[in-house]
Protein backbone atom coordinates (compact mmCIF):
# COMPACT_ATOMS: atom_id res chain seq x y z
CA MET A 1 -0.16 0.26 0.37
CA LYS A 2 3.15 2.26 0.59
CA ALA A 3 4.15 1.93 -2.47
CA LYS A 4 0.77 2.23 -4.23
CA HIS A 5 0.88 5.72 -2.51
CA PHE A 6 4.39 6.44 -2.87
CA LEU A 7 3.75 5.26 -6.92
CA TYR A 8 0.43 7.96 -7.03
CA GLY A 9 1.93 11.16 -5.44
CA ALA A 10 5.50 11.28 -7.88
CA LEU A 11 3.03 10.75 -10.60
CA MET A 12 0.68 13.08 -9.35
CA ALA A 13 2.63 16.18 -9.44
CA ILE A 14 3.18 15.86 -12.91
CA ALA A 15 -0.92 16.38 -13.53
CA ALA A 16 -0.53 19.89 -12.25
CA ALA A 17 1.68 21.49 -14.53
CA ILE A 18 18.34 9.67 -34.11
CA THR A 19 29.23 6.32 -39.86
CA ILE A 20 28.54 8.38 -42.38
CA THR A 21 30.07 5.05 -43.85
CA ALA A 22 32.13 6.57 -47.34
CA CYS A 23 31.12 5.61 -50.46
CA LYS A 24 32.43 6.32 -54.31
CA LYS A 25 29.94 8.88 -55.31
CA SER A 26 28.93 6.91 -58.86
CA ASP A 27 26.91 4.66 -56.36
CA SER A 28 24.37 7.31 -55.47
CA ALA A 29 22.11 9.32 -57.57
CA GLN A 30 21.63 12.52 -56.03
CA ALA A 31 17.59 13.66 -55.75
CA PRO A 32 17.51 16.81 -58.28
CA ALA A 33 18.57 20.50 -57.13
CA GLY A 34 16.21 22.15 -55.12
CA SER A 35 14.33 19.08 -54.27
CA GLN A 36 13.08 19.68 -50.31
CA GLN A 37 10.12 18.59 -47.80
CA ASN A 38 9.16 19.21 -44.44
CA LEU A 39 9.65 17.36 -41.90
CA THR A 40 8.06 18.08 -38.36
CA LEU A 41 8.78 16.66 -35.35
CA TYR A 42 6.12 16.46 -32.32
CA LEU A 43 7.53 15.80 -29.05
CA THR A 44 6.08 13.83 -26.12
CA ASP A 45 6.23 11.10 -22.63
CA GLY A 46 4.38 8.82 -20.46
CA PRO A 47 4.55 9.69 -16.91
CA GLY A 48 8.01 9.19 -14.92
CA PHE A 49 8.23 8.49 -11.61
CA PHE A 50 8.94 12.26 -10.77
CA ASP A 51 7.43 16.13 -10.37
CA SER A 52 8.84 17.46 -13.08
CA VAL A 53 12.07 16.16 -15.73
CA LEU A 54 13.44 19.68 -16.73
CA VAL A 55 15.68 18.88 -19.90
CA ASP A 56 18.33 21.09 -22.03
CA ILE A 57 17.88 20.19 -25.89
CA ARG A 58 20.57 22.83 -27.83
CA SER A 59 20.02 21.36 -31.16
CA VAL A 60 18.24 18.36 -33.31
CA LYS A 61 19.71 17.36 -36.92
CA VAL A 62 18.87 14.86 -39.36
CA LEU A 63 21.03 12.92 -41.64
CA VAL A 64 19.48 12.72 -44.95
CA ASP A 65 20.21 9.80 -48.26
CA THR A 66 19.37 11.76 -51.20
CA SER A 67 20.14 8.77 -53.07
CA ARG A 68 17.09 6.81 -55.36
CA ASN A 69 18.34 3.47 -53.69
CA THR A 70 18.62 4.15 -50.10
CA ARG A 71 18.69 0.22 -48.98
CA MET A 72 22.53 0.66 -50.73
CA HIS A 73 23.16 2.28 -47.24
CA ASP A 74 21.37 0.05 -44.97
CA ASP A 75 25.13 -2.06 -43.52
CA ASN A 76 26.80 1.96 -42.56
CA ASP A 77 28.27 2.35 -39.55
CA TRP A 78 25.74 4.82 -38.46
CA ASP A 79 27.07 5.22 -34.70
CA ASP A 80 29.99 5.98 -36.96
CA ALA A 81 28.14 8.97 -38.94
CA GLY A 82 26.07 10.96 -36.21
CA ASP A 83 30.33 10.77 -34.52
CA ARG A 84 32.20 12.08 -37.39
CA GLU A 85 29.36 14.52 -39.02
CA GLY A 86 30.88 17.89 -39.31
CA ARG A 87 34.38 16.91 -38.44
CA ASN A 88 35.68 15.03 -42.00
CA PRO A 89 33.04 16.14 -44.86
CA GLN A 90 35.88 14.50 -47.12
CA ALA A 91 34.92 11.15 -46.12
CA LYS A 92 31.06 11.19 -46.77
CA ASP A 93 29.12 10.54 -49.72
CA SER A 94 28.01 13.21 -51.46
CA SER A 95 23.55 11.39 -51.20
CA LEU A 96 23.91 11.48 -47.72
CA VAL A 97 23.45 14.95 -46.41
CA TRP A 98 23.12 16.43 -42.78
CA GLN A 99 20.89 18.52 -42.08
CA ASN A 100 20.22 21.61 -38.73
CA LEU A 101 16.18 21.41 -37.55
CA ASN A 102 15.10 25.01 -36.62
CA ILE A 103 13.76 24.60 -33.21
CA ALA A 104 13.67 26.17 -29.97
CA ALA A 105 16.37 25.30 -28.81
CA GLY A 106 16.18 25.12 -24.40
CA ILE A 107 14.37 23.54 -21.73
CA TYR A 108 11.71 21.02 -21.93
CA ASP A 109 9.43 20.27 -19.23
CA ILE A 110 9.21 16.48 -20.19
CA LEU A 111 6.53 15.40 -17.86
CA HIS A 112 3.58 18.07 -19.07
CA LEU A 113 3.63 16.10 -22.53
CA ARG A 114 2.29 12.65 -21.24
CA ASN A 115 -2.19 11.76 -22.35
CA GLY A 116 -2.11 12.41 -26.12
CA LEU A 117 -0.47 15.82 -25.39
CA ASP A 118 2.67 16.69 -27.66
CA THR A 119 4.75 19.69 -28.73
CA VAL A 120 6.20 20.49 -31.44
CA LEU A 121 9.85 20.36 -31.35
CA ALA A 122 10.75 21.38 -34.78
CA SER A 123 9.13 21.76 -38.07
CA THR A 124 11.99 22.48 -41.63
CA ASN A 125 12.24 21.94 -44.84
CA ILE A 126 15.01 19.35 -45.78
CA PRO A 127 16.43 17.33 -48.76
CA LYS A 128 14.22 15.04 -50.24
CA GLY A 129 15.01 11.63 -49.44
CA ALA A 130 15.32 8.99 -46.27
CA ILE A 131 15.24 10.37 -43.20
CA ARG A 132 18.41 7.72 -41.62
CA LEU A 133 19.42 9.58 -38.72
CA LEU A 134 18.30 11.84 -36.31
CA LYS A 135 20.93 13.26 -34.13
CA ILE A 136 19.43 14.98 -30.68
CA GLU A 137 22.49 16.80 -28.60
CA ILE A 138 21.41 17.74 -25.30
CA GLY A 139 22.93 20.44 -22.90
CA THR A 140 24.12 20.71 -19.37
CA HIS A 141 20.67 22.07 -18.37
CA ASN A 142 19.20 19.29 -16.88
CA SER A 143 17.43 18.77 -13.48
CA LEU A 144 14.27 16.97 -11.94
CA VAL A 145 11.94 17.36 -9.30
CA LYS A 146 10.90 15.76 -6.60
CA ASN A 147 8.35 15.74 -4.22
CA HIS A 148 9.00 19.74 -4.77
CA VAL A 149 12.68 19.38 -3.87
CA THR A 150 15.10 20.01 -7.06
CA TYR A 151 18.00 18.03 -7.67
CA PRO A 152 20.89 18.02 -10.49
CA LEU A 153 19.88 15.62 -13.56
CA LEU A 154 23.59 14.98 -14.44
CA LEU A 155 25.30 13.53 -17.64
CA PRO A 156 26.84 10.46 -17.40
CA ASN A 157 31.28 10.61 -18.25
CA ASN A 158 30.67 8.41 -21.04
CA PHE A 159 27.66 9.81 -22.59
CA PRO A 160 28.23 11.73 -25.25
CA GLY A 161 27.09 15.45 -25.67
CA TYR A 162 24.79 13.58 -28.42
CA VAL A 163 21.26 11.16 -29.11
CA LEU A 164 21.41 9.11 -31.97
CA ILE A 165 18.15 8.06 -33.52
CA LYS A 166 18.65 5.47 -36.13
CA LEU A 167 15.67 5.09 -38.76
CA ARG A 168 15.22 2.99 -42.27
CA GLY A 169 13.85 6.00 -43.82
CA ASP A 170 10.14 4.96 -44.15
CA GLU A 171 9.41 5.14 -41.23
CA PRO A 172 8.09 9.39 -41.15
CA GLU A 173 4.27 9.42 -41.99
CA GLU A 174 3.74 11.25 -45.19
CA PHE A 175 0.11 13.54 -43.73
CA MET A 176 0.22 15.80 -47.14
CA ALA A 177 1.75 16.16 -50.65
CA GLY A 178 5.47 16.89 -49.19
CA LYS A 179 4.67 16.74 -45.51
CA VAL A 180 5.97 14.04 -43.31
CA ARG A 181 5.79 13.99 -39.37
CA LEU A 182 7.24 11.88 -36.72
CA TRP A 183 6.31 11.67 -33.22
CA LEU A 184 9.61 10.96 -30.64
CA ASP A 185 8.33 9.42 -27.51
CA PHE A 186 10.98 10.40 -24.61
CA ASP A 187 10.87 7.58 -22.63
CA VAL A 188 11.17 9.04 -18.87
CA ASN A 189 11.33 5.72 -16.94
CA ARG A 190 14.25 4.74 -19.19
CA SER A 191 16.19 7.63 -19.38
CA VAL A 192 16.54 8.36 -15.58
CA TYR A 193 18.38 6.86 -12.66
CA GLN A 194 19.66 7.10 -9.33
CA GLY A 195 23.34 6.21 -8.71
CA PHE A 196 24.97 4.58 -6.14
CA ASN A 197 26.29 8.25 -4.83
CA ASN A 198 22.39 9.13 -4.47
CA GLU A 199 22.88 11.47 -7.25
CA PHE A 200 20.17 11.60 -10.41
CA TYR A 201 21.44 11.03 -14.07
CA LEU A 202 20.18 11.93 -17.47
CA ARG A 203 20.53 8.89 -20.94
CA PRO A 204 18.13 9.95 -22.58
CA HIS A 205 15.88 7.54 -24.62
CA PHE A 206 13.48 8.53 -27.19
CA ARG A 207 11.18 5.58 -29.13
CA PHE A 208 8.95 7.01 -32.13
CA PHE A 209 5.59 6.36 -33.62
CA VAL A 210 3.36 7.82 -36.32
CA THR A 211 0.01 7.92 -36.10
CA ARG A 212 -1.06 5.94 -38.89
CA THR A 213 1.13 2.79 -38.03
CA THR A 214 0.22 2.90 -34.20
CA ALA A 215 -2.93 2.60 -32.12
CA SER A 216 -3.81 4.57 -28.57
CA LEU A 217 -6.00 3.69 -26.00
CA SER A 218 -8.10 6.08 -24.16
CA GLY A 219 -11.12 5.93 -21.56
CA ARG A 220 -11.28 7.57 -18.06
CA VAL A 221 -10.98 5.82 -13.96
CA THR A 222 -13.50 7.02 -11.39
CA PRO A 223 -12.68 7.69 -8.30
CA MET A 224 -10.09 9.90 -8.32
CA GLU A 225 -9.60 9.70 -4.28
CA ALA A 226 -8.47 6.05 -5.55
CA GLN A 227 -5.00 7.63 -6.76
CA PRO A 228 -5.18 5.21 -10.00
CA VAL A 229 -2.13 4.33 -11.90
CA LEU A 230 -2.67 2.52 -15.06
CA THR A 231 -0.50 -0.16 -16.47
CA LEU A 232 -1.22 -2.00 -20.11
CA LEU A 233 0.62 -5.03 -21.24
CA ASN A 234 0.35 -8.09 -23.47
CA GLY A 235 3.77 -9.73 -23.03
CA LYS A 236 5.84 -7.71 -25.05
CA ASP A 237 4.90 -4.21 -24.61
CA THR A 238 3.97 -2.27 -21.50
CA ALA A 239 2.66 1.64 -21.24
CA TYR A 240 1.89 3.32 -18.41
CA ALA A 241 -0.71 6.07 -17.70
CA LEU A 242 -1.61 8.61 -15.62
CA PRO A 243 -5.51 9.88 -15.28
CA ASN A 244 -5.65 13.54 -15.48
CA ARG A 245 -7.66 15.55 -12.64
CA GLU A 246 -10.89 14.47 -14.48
CA GLY A 247 -9.77 10.62 -14.78
CA TYR A 248 -9.35 10.86 -18.37
CA PHE A 249 -6.18 8.74 -19.22
CA LYS A 250 -4.64 8.58 -23.81
CA MET A 251 -1.84 5.72 -24.66
CA ARG A 252 -0.09 6.34 -28.02
CA GLY A 253 2.21 4.31 -30.12
CA LEU A 254 0.72 0.74 -29.29
CA LYS A 255 1.10 -1.57 -31.34
CA ASP A 256 -1.44 -3.85 -33.03
CA GLY A 257 -1.79 -6.72 -29.93
CA THR A 258 -5.01 -8.23 -27.38
CA TYR A 259 -3.52 -6.52 -24.35
CA SER A 260 -4.67 -6.10 -20.63
CA LEU A 261 -4.91 -3.02 -18.61
CA PHE A 262 -4.49 -3.25 -14.88
CA VAL A 263 -5.52 -0.29 -12.38
CA ASN A 264 -3.37 0.25 -9.48
CA ALA A 265 -6.07 1.83 -6.85
CA SER A 266 -5.23 3.11 -3.22
CA ASN A 267 -7.18 4.61 -0.59
CA GLY A 268 -9.04 1.86 0.10
CA TYR A 269 -10.41 1.14 -3.24
CA LYS A 270 -9.66 -2.45 -4.91
CA ASP A 271 -7.35 -3.37 -8.00
CA THR A 272 -8.99 -4.31 -11.19
CA THR A 273 -7.86 -5.61 -14.74
CA LEU A 274 -9.38 -5.39 -18.19
CA THR A 275 -8.38 -8.06 -19.79
CA ASN A 276 -8.77 -8.77 -23.93
CA ILE A 277 -8.34 -5.19 -24.96
CA SER A 278 -7.95 -5.79 -29.12
CA ILE A 279 -6.08 -3.00 -30.26
CA ALA A 280 -5.53 -2.29 -33.89
CA ALA A 281 -3.84 0.58 -35.91
CA PRO A 282 -4.60 3.31 -36.80
CA ASN A 283 -7.49 3.55 -34.52
CA ASN A 284 -8.16 4.71 -30.51
CA THR A 285 -9.68 2.14 -28.70
CA SER A 286 -12.08 3.43 -25.97
CA VAL A 287 -12.65 1.29 -22.40
CA GLY A 288 -15.24 3.64 -21.51
CA THR A 289 -15.17 4.87 -17.89
CA ILE A 290 -14.02 2.26 -15.31
CA ALA A 291 -15.22 2.97 -11.46
CA LEU A 292 -13.92 1.24 -8.85
CA HIS A 293 -14.78 -0.03 -5.73
CA LYS A 294 -14.16 -0.48 -2.25
């Protein structure tokens, strides 16, 4: 019971507020000059066990493969590509183009972006082609708030200062002619950890999804006096949600499958589990209102 109160209390506080491997230029045919597409990146989050998680995002860059056959680059060392970006331009394949995205650099309060909420991280014209890397530069002004106390959120010594998100190039969805979009889900539970010295560390972990090929689940839990915490699972994937003040919740970026929804309740209310919930893209599945009882 104490664990339930801690989990709920910590989550409830937030309710108020992606080598360039060298290859011969003759191996690739570039897209026509001036050919562009517009990329929109959305930032979203699932709940974490803190009041706030404040992340310093300084820049976002993309590596676009403008060749006609992007599959010939599938065996590239993309980790090395991200590391050498900007330092050895003569080694780059001319069909692989780095592009800075226009973002509002600064501190992002990640835990405000949950229950279906998101924010536009970037919307920029980039060369037309397959997006193979997203490179997100993380600054040092990171912090978290736990039980109303602010702590520095340190970067590990071996952290390179950026996160690489590797793509095949066909993941972003084209929602209008020449316009593609992608959602980046910041996984707080995997990104923040406490060291042996009780200091908090940040190693950002993102997953990506698009609405066309993933599903969502929504509903409402009553009463909020039960302080419900929701876990959705099917043996392969797990998602979490904390309802808002009115009890409404939403989980996004879900894969097709049959799930169970476990509702962890407190204050004398009984836990409950809903089973055999069928989820299929691109639809939203509603479980309606879940009434908890003592």
